Amino acid sequence: MGTSERLANRVAVVTGGSRGIGAAVAAALFAHGSRVVICGRSPEALARASEQARAAAPRTESPGEIDTVQTDVRDAGQAQQVIERAEQRFGGLDILVNNAGIGRFGEDLAAQSLDDWRAVVDTNLNGVFHCCRAAVPALRRRGGGWIINVSSLAGSHPFAGAAAYCASKAAVNALSTALMQEVRHEGIRVSCVAPGSVDTRFGGGPTADAGWKLAAGDVARTVIDLLRHDARSLPSYVEIRPARPRRK
């Protein structure tokens, strides 16, 4: 069975789907025939992501459908609502890609504000928890499916000036492994994808010398490859990093 056949008519929710990795994942799923709900906090960014996905879909493929929902995954009620939206609009849920995340970089832990700490942890960790908690019953009703959590190499290779970000991603790794063991016998596969440096302007820094970094599409390709695996196979943790990183 080809990729498009395997993903055709599958219903997916992609959080943080309005830009960067999330937009690339949503576009790839759409191009392979999935019905995709993308959520994010900016209506304008969501509209652009939807338009770009439609424009990029190969004319030889049978693209799926796209729905957009303004959502703040830090709020458990809103996370629940986006899963319900997928079920109401498209009849169920097969795939959840937790990509929503933020970073605060460059400050030592002792100088970091409580607001910045809470924003990072609430989005990167609590948001994943809220969405997984809402999605598992929907996936059970479907008889199985996938949860793919986008983590980071920072979760296993922490660095100075990013304590909140590194801690949140390490926690996502642990949450993913625990959840995988809880639901694997129900046909729900949980995997964690941990990219290295990706050229998405995520950190807010300059991108002029970013040619060595991964592209968002590289991570999207990894997600699609995971979804192609047969039911007997569960790649539960996947690292992807630049092949030739900048020398320090």
Protein backbone atom coordinates (compact mmCIF):
# COMPACT_ATOMS: atom_id res chain seq x y z
CA MET A 1 0.00 0.00 0.00
CA GLY A 2 1.44 3.40 -1.00
CA THR A 3 1.76 6.42 1.24
CA SER A 4 -1.24 8.21 -0.20
CA GLU A 5 -3.44 5.13 0.06
CA ARG A 6 -2.42 4.62 3.68
CA LEU A 7 -3.20 8.25 4.59
CA ALA A 8 -6.20 8.87 2.35
CA ASN A 9 -9.27 9.96 4.31
CA ARG A 10 -7.44 9.69 7.64
CA VAL A 11 -8.48 12.41 10.06
CA ALA A 12 -5.60 14.32 11.64
CA VAL A 13 -5.26 17.15 14.13
CA VAL A 14 -2.03 19.17 13.98
CA THR A 15 -1.41 21.61 16.80
CA GLY A 16 0.82 24.58 16.13
CA GLY A 17 -0.12 23.98 12.52
CA SER A 18 -0.08 27.56 11.31
CA ARG A 19 3.66 27.87 10.70
CA GLY A 20 7.00 26.07 10.68
CA ILE A 21 7.04 22.33 11.32
CA GLY A 22 3.31 22.16 12.02
CA ALA A 23 2.38 23.84 8.74
CA ALA A 24 4.72 21.50 6.85
CA VAL A 25 3.20 18.43 8.52
CA ALA A 26 -0.35 19.63 7.83
CA ALA A 27 0.49 20.32 4.18
CA ALA A 28 2.07 16.88 3.77
CA LEU A 29 -0.94 15.13 5.28
CA PHE A 30 -3.32 17.15 3.10
CA ALA A 31 -1.31 16.32 -0.03
CA HIS A 32 -1.61 12.62 0.80
CA GLY A 33 -5.39 12.80 1.08
CA SER A 34 -5.91 13.22 4.82
CA ARG A 35 -8.61 15.41 6.33
CA VAL A 36 -6.68 17.80 8.53
CA VAL A 37 -7.68 20.10 11.35
CA ILE A 38 -4.91 22.61 11.96
CA CYS A 39 -5.00 24.73 15.06
CA GLY A 40 -3.04 27.70 16.33
CA ARG A 41 -3.53 31.01 18.06
CA SER A 42 -3.44 33.34 15.04
CA PRO A 43 -6.42 33.30 12.64
CA GLU A 44 -4.34 35.08 10.00
CA ALA A 45 -1.50 32.56 10.22
CA LEU A 46 -3.98 29.68 10.07
CA ALA A 47 -5.54 31.11 6.91
CA ARG A 48 -2.10 31.46 5.29
CA ALA A 49 -1.16 27.89 6.23
CA SER A 50 -4.38 26.56 4.73
CA GLU A 51 -3.86 28.50 1.50
CA GLN A 52 -0.23 27.41 1.22
CA ALA A 53 -1.12 23.75 1.77
CA ARG A 54 -3.72 23.88 -0.97
CA ALA A 55 -1.34 25.65 -3.35
CA ALA A 56 1.47 23.16 -2.71
CA ALA A 57 -0.55 19.96 -3.10
CA PRO A 58 0.56 18.02 -6.21
CA ARG A 59 -1.98 18.16 -8.98
CA THR A 60 -1.52 14.43 -9.58
CA GLU A 61 -2.62 13.56 -6.05
CA SER A 62 -6.09 13.64 -4.57
CA PRO A 63 -5.71 16.10 -1.71
CA GLY A 64 -7.80 15.83 1.38
CA GLU A 65 -9.62 18.54 3.28
CA ILE A 66 -8.49 21.25 5.67
CA ASP A 67 -10.26 22.87 8.58
CA THR A 68 -8.74 25.55 10.82
CA VAL A 69 -9.52 26.23 14.47
CA GLN A 70 -8.15 29.04 16.61
CA THR A 71 -6.93 27.17 19.69
CA ASP A 72 -4.72 27.76 22.70
CA VAL A 73 -3.59 24.30 23.80
CA ARG A 74 -2.65 25.65 27.23
CA ASP A 75 -6.38 25.59 27.92
CA ALA A 76 -7.72 22.06 28.51
CA GLY A 77 -11.20 23.03 27.34
CA GLN A 78 -9.92 24.37 24.03
CA ALA A 79 -7.82 21.24 23.49
CA GLN A 80 -10.93 19.14 24.03
CA GLN A 81 -12.89 21.29 21.61
CA VAL A 82 -10.41 20.86 18.75
CA ILE A 83 -10.61 17.06 19.08
CA GLU A 84 -14.40 17.29 19.13
CA ARG A 85 -14.25 19.52 16.05
CA ALA A 86 -12.36 16.81 14.16
CA GLU A 87 -14.92 14.20 15.14
CA GLN A 88 -17.88 16.42 14.26
CA ARG A 89 -16.47 17.70 10.97
CA PHE A 90 -14.78 14.55 9.66
CA GLY A 91 -16.32 11.69 11.65
CA GLY A 92 -13.49 10.65 13.94
CA LEU A 93 -9.82 11.00 14.76
CA ASP A 94 -6.93 8.87 13.48
CA ILE A 95 -3.84 11.01 14.00
CA LEU A 96 -2.80 13.65 16.51
CA VAL A 97 0.43 15.57 15.90
CA ASN A 98 1.37 17.68 18.92
CA ASN A 99 3.63 20.36 17.53
CA ALA A 100 2.59 23.54 19.37
CA GLY A 101 5.56 24.94 21.24
CA ILE A 102 7.42 28.08 22.23
CA GLY A 103 10.92 28.84 23.47
CA ARG A 104 12.55 31.49 25.63
CA PHE A 105 16.28 31.52 24.98
CA GLY A 106 19.31 33.41 26.20
CA GLU A 107 18.53 33.95 29.89
CA ASP A 108 20.01 32.03 32.80
CA LEU A 109 17.50 30.22 34.97
CA ALA A 110 18.00 32.61 37.89
CA ALA A 111 17.08 35.55 35.66
CA GLN A 112 14.07 33.98 34.00
CA SER A 113 10.69 35.42 34.87
CA LEU A 114 7.95 33.26 36.29
CA ASP A 115 5.72 34.32 33.40
CA ASP A 116 8.24 33.08 30.82
CA TRP A 117 8.74 29.78 32.68
CA ARG A 118 5.00 29.18 32.90
CA ALA A 119 4.40 30.11 29.25
CA VAL A 120 6.97 27.59 28.02
CA VAL A 121 5.93 24.75 30.32
CA ASP A 122 2.21 25.40 29.86
CA THR A 123 2.54 25.29 26.07
CA ASN A 124 5.22 22.67 25.49
CA LEU A 125 4.25 20.19 28.21
CA ASN A 126 0.77 20.93 29.51
CA GLY A 127 -0.49 21.53 25.97
CA VAL A 128 0.71 18.07 24.94
CA PHE A 129 -0.93 16.57 28.02
CA HIS A 130 -4.25 18.33 27.35
CA CYS A 131 -4.36 17.23 23.71
CA CYS A 132 -3.30 13.64 24.40
CA ARG A 133 -5.83 13.35 27.22
CA ALA A 134 -8.59 14.58 24.89
CA ALA A 135 -7.46 12.46 21.94
CA VAL A 136 -7.09 9.03 23.54
CA PRO A 137 -10.86 8.43 23.97
CA ALA A 138 -11.43 9.55 20.35
CA LEU A 139 -8.72 7.19 19.10
CA ARG A 140 -10.24 4.38 21.15
CA ARG A 141 -13.58 5.01 19.48
CA ARG A 142 -11.78 4.73 16.15
CA GLY A 143 -10.13 1.44 17.12
CA GLY A 144 -6.59 2.82 17.14
CA GLY A 145 -4.40 5.47 15.57
CA TRP A 146 -1.30 7.57 16.08
CA ILE A 147 -0.12 10.24 18.49
CA ILE A 148 3.11 11.89 17.37
CA ASN A 149 4.66 14.39 19.76
CA VAL A 150 7.23 16.79 18.33
CA SER A 151 9.95 17.13 20.93
CA SER A 152 13.53 18.33 20.43
CA LEU A 153 17.10 17.16 20.79
CA ALA A 154 17.18 19.74 23.57
CA GLY A 155 15.18 17.25 25.65
CA SER A 156 18.13 14.87 25.77
CA HIS A 157 20.94 17.39 25.12
CA PRO A 158 20.12 20.41 27.30
CA PHE A 159 22.05 23.64 26.93
CA ALA A 160 22.58 26.81 28.92
CA GLY A 161 20.14 29.66 28.55
CA ALA A 162 17.17 27.42 27.78
CA ALA A 163 16.32 25.65 31.03
CA ALA A 164 12.55 25.89 30.64
CA TYR A 165 12.59 24.75 27.02
CA CYS A 166 14.96 21.85 27.64
CA ALA A 167 13.04 20.74 30.74
CA SER A 168 9.71 20.88 28.91
CA LYS A 169 11.01 18.76 26.03
CA ALA A 170 12.60 16.21 28.38
CA ALA A 171 9.20 15.93 30.06
CA VAL A 172 7.50 15.45 26.68
CA ASN A 173 9.88 12.55 26.00
CA ALA A 174 8.96 10.93 29.31
CA LEU A 175 5.23 11.58 28.87
CA SER A 176 5.35 10.03 25.40
CA THR A 177 7.08 6.88 26.61
CA ALA A 178 4.66 6.45 29.51
CA LEU A 179 1.61 6.99 27.30
CA MET A 180 2.98 4.64 24.65
CA GLN A 181 3.11 1.84 27.22
CA GLU A 182 -0.41 2.60 28.44
CA VAL A 183 -2.18 2.46 25.06
CA ARG A 184 -0.04 0.33 22.74
CA HIS A 185 -2.21 -2.78 23.22
CA GLU A 186 -5.26 -0.82 22.05
CA GLY A 187 -3.76 -0.14 18.63
CA ILE A 188 -2.78 3.41 19.56
CA ARG A 189 0.83 4.07 18.67
CA VAL A 190 2.67 6.92 20.37
CA SER A 191 5.91 8.24 18.97
CA CYS A 192 8.20 11.14 19.74
CA VAL A 193 10.09 12.99 16.99
CA ALA A 194 13.07 14.98 18.25
CA PRO A 195 14.53 17.37 15.67
CA GLY A 196 17.76 19.27 16.02
CA SER A 197 18.10 22.81 14.67
CA VAL A 198 15.34 23.62 12.17
CA ASP A 199 15.22 26.75 10.02
CA THR A 200 11.82 28.04 11.12
CA ARG A 201 12.76 31.28 12.93
CA PHE A 202 11.48 29.53 16.05
CA GLY A 203 14.13 31.10 18.26
CA GLY A 204 13.53 34.53 16.78
CA GLY A 205 17.15 34.88 15.66
CA PRO A 206 18.67 35.67 12.25
CA THR A 207 18.39 33.09 9.49
CA ALA A 208 20.98 34.39 7.01
CA ASP A 209 23.44 31.60 7.87
CA ALA A 210 20.86 28.85 8.33
CA GLY A 211 21.60 26.69 5.30
CA TRP A 212 23.08 23.98 7.50
CA LYS A 213 19.84 23.56 9.46
CA LEU A 214 17.03 21.12 8.82
CA ALA A 215 14.04 22.35 6.83
CA ALA A 216 10.54 22.03 8.26
CA GLY A 217 9.80 19.65 5.40
CA ASP A 218 12.50 17.28 6.62
CA VAL A 219 10.62 16.85 9.89
CA ALA A 220 7.30 16.53 8.07
CA ARG A 221 8.79 13.74 5.95
CA THR A 222 9.81 11.92 9.13
CA VAL A 223 6.24 12.18 10.44
CA ILE A 224 4.83 10.82 7.18
CA ASP A 225 7.34 7.96 7.24
CA LEU A 226 6.22 7.04 10.77
CA LEU A 227 2.60 6.93 9.68
CA ARG A 228 3.53 4.51 6.89
CA HIS A 229 4.75 1.81 9.28
CA ASP A 230 2.77 -1.41 9.46
CA ALA A 231 0.74 -2.07 12.59
CA ARG A 232 3.36 -4.48 13.91
CA SER A 233 5.98 -1.72 14.00
CA LEU A 234 6.35 1.13 16.49
CA PRO A 235 9.31 3.49 16.14
CA SER A 236 8.67 5.14 19.50
CA TYR A 237 11.47 7.73 19.48
CA VAL A 238 13.11 9.22 16.40
CA GLU A 239 15.93 11.77 16.32
CA ILE A 240 16.57 13.86 13.22
CA ARG A 241 19.46 16.28 13.06
CA PRO A 242 21.38 18.33 10.49
CA ALA A 243 23.80 16.13 8.57
CA ARG A 244 26.54 18.76 8.62
CA PRO A 245 26.00 21.14 11.54
CA ARG A 246 27.91 24.36 11.81
CA ARG A 247 31.31 23.82 13.44
CA LYS A 248 31.73 25.46 16.83
